[in-house]
Amino acid sequence: MKKTLKFQLFGNPKIHLADQQIFFSFSKINALLYYLAVNQSISRDEIAGLLWPNKSEQSARKNLRNTIYQANKVLGDDYVVSPNKSVLQLNEDLPVQSDVEDFLSDPTEHLIKYQGEFLKGFFLKDSENFDQWTTRMRSIYEQKFVQNCYHKVANDINNNQLDDVERNIQRLISIDEYDERNYQLLMRFYQDSHRNGKVIEAYYELVSTLKEELGIEPSEETRKIYEKTLEIVNRRKNHEENIESFKFFGRTQEIETLEANFDGFFHDYNFQSIIIQGDAGMGKTALSELVLNNMRKKHLLLNFTCFHSERFFTLRPWREILQKIEIVIKDNEIVMSNNFEKTCKKFFPYFTDDSLINFDERLTDDDINYLSQIILEALKIIEQDNKLIINIDNLQWMDEWSLRLLTSLMLHDYDTLFLLTLRSNYQTHIDEFINTVSHYGRLNIIDLKPFDRASMTSFMQKQIPDNDLDFATLNELYNESEGSPFFLMEYVRQIKLGLRPDYMTPRIQKELKFILQDLEPGEEEILEMVSYFPEEAPLKIISTLLNRTEGSIAKDISTIKDHQLISEHMIEGEIQLSFLHNKFREFIYMQQAPSKLRVIHEKIAVLLEQKLRSVDDESTLLSQIAYHYKYANQELKSLDYELSHLQISLKFQHELFPIYTEYNKESVELESIEWHDELAKFKQIGDRLKAIEYQYEGNQTYESLLMKYLYFEGRYYINYGNYNQGIENIQRVIVKAKELHHDDFLIRGYRQMIYYYIQTDNATDMVHYIDLAMNISIRSNDHQSIGILLRLKGLYYLMVGNLTEAEHLLLESVTIFTISDEVKEKYSSNIAAAYDYLAEIERLRENYDEAVSYEKKAICLCEQTGLKTSLVIFYVDMGISLYAKEDYDGSKQYLRKAKGLYDNLTSPWKRTQLNAYLALNELHDGDYDAVLRFLLSFNEYYTHLSNPRDMGIVYFIQAIVKKMINDQQINDPSLRELLNQDEAFYLEKAQENLSQYRDRFELQYLNGIYDEINPIDPN
């Protein structure tokens, strides 16, 4: 079959051959092919003159011949041909597709083919004629697209086929963002589909585009569409319609609320004054300015900003507001009563020429009541001819007397609209103001929240449309900004400059410092201490560090909470503090001196160490101690605790039969941890150890840590089947343990070698390490270790076929571990493992009832403790015993239990046996598809199997299935095709890999079918 040559000429041009993108060594090959794809047939002189206008005719022809040769060479066939000496064309005998050709064949139906301007970004150096052709074709195709796109949009709307309407209108807008007709079409579409929030979004996007780029406002027609939407919104009760997230400013619903309220204000409907509140950086001021700037109704606007530095200046805001009112009165020649002027002189002496008169700040409620009446009188006179809006920014810094005056005015003036912005961490007197005015229905609160992930992504895409931010970058931006528009705009500014975002720019630091400036020294100290904790900070530790009682700092904590800086919550009966926004923690922390950082982190680590014996969840505490020692510049202690943390977290994942009381109960319940996450943790610790190797070379503590690290990492690799790396680590552990005379780790290293040889079914090397470990355990009089090694020695005899000696050692191991209830609980999984091996012995003796009885004992012990890594082994072996007993339903029940556990575990032990016996049960039930799936999966991973018994059990299934196919008991074409070897091949492979001692049941099974196998009888 000939390969299809595909041209994508709309948007960034690409050429594909058999779905593989083709790249050429120089751009004139592309230009030739693009020109041919559009024109089908061209003259040699035409294209030569187009591509090489400055060359002689002979030179241009030579270049053309070379270009054709290079094109066909790369494409691998004669795609460019010459039917005669003067004409070039694409070979009609070879398949060629072009998006231009598809588009032109039926533009309305193939609008999707138009993915952008023709040959976007493509140009030829010194080929002006080609560029002119490209420009001309771009215009032709764009006009054709626009014409047909309008036609399709109209038809789709008429036929109520609306799936593509919005997308096609947006494509028209992207072609000409200054053409209001496209926005009008989009707004009408939204309006007709009752998506009023989207109408507002489209309108504000147009406003922004026209103002920023052209310095003009939308036309009257566009404004009318918008105002019609506002009328609809005003008529809508209780705002029942769902508003989509505003992708340009991120505040569609808030803008709609504001606009609808202002529309009611201007048309004498019901309206309310409004507070826009939110944390610093939420865009409160920007939102109010946006809506105020968009107003086209005649109105009078009085703006005022409250300043932090003036928050204790009595009536300071009203001095400026009344000054502006006085200007309005003079400009409009409004006649006021003498009381107004007298009041201004009394309360605001700087209105007069006598600036030396002291202003009496000892005000009374009567004074405020009087002042309120006078201002109300002035406002009512002004409002006879004007719609009045008073906009007050940063209400949180208004003094108490000014706030009382504002309360009175808002309760009694039904004609003025007050627009206020307020930071969330307002004081109690602001709270009282809001409750009072809201109670009488005079105030609507708009609470600006941070952007969620979806809104932030849309916001970033709008701000940086040409920069494709990947998921990881967007996720990082969200985590760093926590959805704050202020932070996001800082990051946008840096990205537009081609910089990687600095998440703590001088502007961000300045803003954070400004927010924190109200704090008292005691409050600052508390925040400093809390900043040392990446998550929760225990109140007890904070009080100890500050040498203050918990009661003495309670008031300060309450104030800090009022500032919306920290939260307080109870965890396991202990009060914990944490920052509401991580940026505050980062900023406060980075202000600390390096010497102080080390001292405080060390104090915290020591205090946490004191809690170790009194907590249930040691894992989390160990990680916290490691963190604080790290930043106290005590790397060895940090690494020691980090390794201890990993030991607890991973022990029950990587130890087949763990010692129960070495680890807390939480770790018993751990589910599987992803391979890459675990590997990353090991790599981080390994990198840290390597980084300080030169500093601690020969240091015994360092060498012990390295040994500990190599041990855990080695176990980890062995557990995942990376035996070469794992064994290399363990051998290094053994060497170091001998050098350091560390018998505990020496025995652990020997055990890992033993487990490795169990997994690879190597009894000879296994017993060597058992004897080495046993010698040390006897010398150390370590009865528990001896008990474990007796079980393993029993397994060795089981592996070599000496069932009597195996049974004797396994029972002796059980005796050691049942000497007391405490020891029995601690080594319950080891006792269960001994029962499991005893069950295997009885199964080999064909005493299936006794085998099942032992398995039940093993399962019962592990179900009580929740040791899933062990339990899954016993479920598999119970399934095998029940199958041997011909209890097929029971067998399937336990095998499926095991499979359910394996989904949440990382251990590879017994997986092959599990899947094989599940397949054997399916074969018994006649489900040949399930058998096929197992055999196919085996073909994918059989090269990774290191244990010959695992290989043997698979060949065991294959040998059975092949025999049944040949005996015409199975008529399945897929199985017949898969098992394409002779019977003898599968039989010999099974015999070769199955253990003649431990796999007696499987060999006997095959013997019953083939009558060729003579397994060794057990003693």
Foldseek 3Di string as FASTA:
>chain_A
DFWEWEWQFADATFIDTNNHTFDAPDCVLVLVVVVQVVPQKDWLQVSLCQQCVPDDPVVSSVVVVVSQVRNCVRNVHNQWDDPDDTMIGGDPVGHYYYLVVVCVVPVLVSLVSNPHFGNPPDDDPPRVNSVVVSVVVRVVVVVVSVVSLVVNLVVCVVVVVCPCNLVSLVVVCVVPVQPCVSLQVNLVVCVVVVQLLVNVLSQLVSQVVCCVPPNDGDDPVSVVSNVVSLVVLLPDPPSPDDHDQRLALRPSVVLSLVSNQVVCLVVVHDHAAEEEEEAPQLCQVVSVCSNVVPDDDFAAEAEEEFDQVCLAPPCVRVLRSVVVLVVVCVVVVPDDDVVLVVLCCQQPVVVDPPPPDDHDPPDDPVNLVSNLVSVLVSVVSSVVPHQYEYEYEAPLSHYLSNLVSVLSNLVPDRRYHYYYYYYQLHDPSVVVSCVSSVVVVRYDYHYRDADDLVSQVSNLCNLCVPDDDDPVRSVVQCLLCVRRNRQSVQCSVQVVVVHHDDSCDPVNLVSLCVLPVVADPLLLLLLLLQLLAQFWDFLVLSCVVVVHDSVVCPVSVVSCVSSQFWDWDADPRTIIIGGPRNVNSVSSNVVDDLQVLLVSLQSVLVVLVVCQVVDQPNLVSLQSSLVSCVSNVNNLSSLVSLLVSCCQQCVLQLPLQAQPVVHGLVSLPAWADDPVVVVVSLVVSVVSLVVCCVVQPPPPSSLVSLLSSLLVVLSVCLQQLVNVSSLVSLVVSLVSCVVSVPLVSNLSSLVSVLVSCVQLLNLVVNVVSLVVSCVSCVVVVPLLSNLLSLQSVLVSCLSVQANVSSLVSLVVSLCSQVVDPVSCLRRVLSNLSSLQVVLLSCVLVVVLVSSLVSLVSSLVSCVVSSSLSNNLVSLLSNLVSCVSVVVLVSSLVSLVVSVVRVVGGSGPPCPLSSLLSVLVSCVVVVVVVSVLVNLVVCVVCVVSRNHLQSVLSSLLSLLVVLLCVVVVVDDDVSNCVVSVDDSVVSVVSNVVRHRLRSPVSSQVVVCVRVVPDDRDRRD
